[in-house]
C-alpha atoms as a PDB file:
ATOM      1  CA  UNK A   1     111.960 142.985  53.147  1.00  0.00           C
ATOM      2  CA  UNK A   2     113.515 142.115  56.462  1.00  0.00           C
ATOM      3  CA  UNK A   3     111.316 142.231  59.091  1.00  0.00           C
ATOM      4  CA  UNK A   4     112.717 143.632  62.158  1.00  0.00           C
ATOM      5  CA  UNK A   5     109.532 144.338  64.064  1.00  0.00           C
ATOM      6  CA  UNK A   6     109.835 141.159  66.101  1.00  0.00           C
ATOM      7  CA  UNK A   7     113.556 141.731  66.726  1.00  0.00           C
ATOM      8  CA  UNK A   8     113.180 144.515  69.402  1.00  0.00           C
ATOM      9  CA  UNK A   9     111.462 144.375  72.441  1.00  0.00           C
ATOM     10  CA  UNK A  10     108.535 145.162  72.804  1.00  0.00           C
ATOM     11  CA  UNK A  11     107.923 144.448  69.037  1.00  0.00           C
ATOM     12  CA  UNK A  12     107.441 147.060  66.919  1.00  0.00           C
ATOM     13  CA  UNK A  13     104.665 147.644  64.136  1.00  0.00           C
ATOM     14  CA  UNK A  14     105.081 148.985  60.755  1.00  0.00           C
ATOM     15  CA  UNK A  15     104.561 152.926  60.654  1.00  0.00           C
ATOM     16  CA  UNK A  16     106.439 153.057  64.343  1.00  0.00           C
ATOM     17  CA  UNK A  17     109.570 154.832  65.110  1.00  0.00           C
ATOM     18  CA  UNK A  18     112.637 153.365  66.819  1.00  0.00           C
ATOM     19  CA  UNK A  19     114.929 155.485  68.690  1.00  0.00           C
ATOM     20  CA  UNK A  20     118.897 155.346  68.166  1.00  0.00           C
ATOM     21  CA  UNK A  21     118.769 153.333  71.336  1.00  0.00           C
ATOM     22  CA  UNK A  22     116.518 150.696  70.246  1.00  0.00           C
ATOM     23  CA  UNK A  23     118.216 150.847  66.577  1.00  0.00           C
ATOM     24  CA  UNK A  24     121.717 150.572  67.932  1.00  0.00           C
ATOM     25  CA  UNK A  25     120.673 147.357  69.843  1.00  0.00           C
ATOM     26  CA  UNK A  26     119.335 145.672  67.345  1.00  0.00           C
ATOM     27  CA  UNK A  27     121.980 146.529  64.633  1.00  0.00           C
ATOM     28  CA  UNK A  28     124.556 145.453  67.714  1.00  0.00           C
ATOM     29  CA  UNK A  29     126.557 148.561  67.536  1.00  0.00           C
ATOM     30  CA  UNK A  30     127.091 151.248  69.904  1.00  0.00           C
ATOM     31  CA  UNK A  31     124.709 154.452  70.057  1.00  0.00           C
ATOM     32  CA  UNK A  32     127.531 156.775  69.293  1.00  0.00           C
ATOM     33  CA  UNK A  33     128.456 154.776  66.363  1.00  0.00           C
ATOM     34  CA  UNK A  34     125.008 155.812  64.703  1.00  0.00           C
ATOM     35  CA  UNK A  35     125.252 159.227  66.194  1.00  0.00           C
ATOM     36  CA  UNK A  36     128.779 159.729  64.632  1.00  0.00           C
ATOM     37  CA  UNK A  37     127.490 158.524  60.991  1.00  0.00           C
ATOM     38  CA  UNK A  38     124.551 161.014  61.393  1.00  0.00           C
ATOM     39  CA  UNK A  39     126.691 163.691  62.183  1.00  0.00           C
ATOM     40  CA  UNK A  40     128.909 163.085  59.581  1.00  0.00           C
ATOM     41  CA  UNK A  41     126.602 162.213  56.580  1.00  0.00           C
ATOM     42  CA  UNK A  42     122.885 163.135  57.454  1.00  0.00           C
ATOM     43  CA  UNK A  43     121.931 162.217  53.941  1.00  0.00           C
ATOM     44  CA  UNK A  44     123.587 158.603  54.209  1.00  0.00           C
ATOM     45  CA  UNK A  45     121.517 155.666  55.287  1.00  0.00           C
ATOM     46  CA  UNK A  46     119.698 154.776  57.414  1.00  0.00           C
ATOM     47  CA  UNK A  47     117.535 157.814  56.865  1.00  0.00           C
ATOM     48  CA  UNK A  48     115.959 159.336  60.345  1.00  0.00           C
ATOM     49  CA  UNK A  49     113.812 161.960  60.944  1.00  0.00           C
ATOM     50  CA  UNK A  50     113.888 164.688  63.983  1.00  0.00           C
ATOM     51  CA  UNK A  51     110.772 164.969  65.994  1.00  0.00           C
ATOM     52  CA  UNK A  52     111.909 168.130  68.174  1.00  0.00           C
ATOM     53  CA  UNK A  53     115.143 167.469  69.079  1.00  0.00           C
ATOM     54  CA  UNK A  54     114.914 163.641  69.004  1.00  0.00           C
ATOM     55  CA  UNK A  55     115.978 161.598  66.457  1.00  0.00           C
ATOM     56  CA  UNK A  56     113.549 158.418  65.082  1.00  0.00           C
ATOM     57  CA  UNK A  57     114.146 155.944  62.404  1.00  0.00           C
ATOM     58  CA  UNK A  58     111.103 154.704  60.558  1.00  0.00           C
ATOM     59  CA  UNK A  59     110.911 150.775  60.880  1.00  0.00           C
ATOM     60  CA  UNK A  60     110.114 150.434  57.284  1.00  0.00           C
ATOM     61  CA  UNK A  61     113.222 152.725  56.057  1.00  0.00           C
ATOM     62  CA  UNK A  62     115.674 150.632  58.136  1.00  0.00           C
ATOM     63  CA  UNK A  63     114.117 147.306  56.668  1.00  0.00           C
ATOM     64  CA  UNK A  64     114.597 148.626  53.437  1.00  0.00           C
ATOM     65  CA  UNK A  65     117.861 149.783  54.290  1.00  0.00           C
ATOM     66  CA  UNK A  66     119.000 146.344  55.518  1.00  0.00           C
ATOM     67  CA  UNK A  67     117.752 144.624  52.320  1.00  0.00           C
ATOM     68  CA  UNK A  68     119.837 146.695  50.519  1.00  0.00           C
ATOM     69  CA  UNK A  69     122.851 145.917  52.478  1.00  0.00           C
ATOM     70  CA  UNK A  70     122.535 142.360  51.777  1.00  0.00           C
ATOM     71  CA  UNK A  71     125.548 140.787  49.403  1.00  0.00           C
ATOM     72  CA  UNK A  72     124.646 138.452  46.934  1.00  0.00           C
ATOM     73  CA  UNK A  73     126.639 135.532  46.014  1.00  0.00           C
ATOM     74  CA  UNK A  74     127.223 134.811  42.249  1.00  0.00           C
ATOM     75  CA  UNK A  75     127.553 131.015  41.596  1.00  0.00           C
ATOM     76  CA  UNK A  76     130.543 130.596  39.632  1.00  0.00           C
ATOM     77  CA  UNK A  77     130.415 126.795  38.471  1.00  0.00           C
END
């Protein structure tokens, strides 16, 4: 699993929640890109939770989602 806990500042621990801004900074994309993806397809990854009106992302869910995004190269030798 990809360890994103040290990639954001301050470092996170598993079980913590990331804000949309933290996740956008980590992924090097805009906050609006995440918001747009969330509004167009709320069931699509990365999964999120709502705490009141605030949107949060579980560190474990993001790590798992990033693992799923990896592509593997097939050696055709």
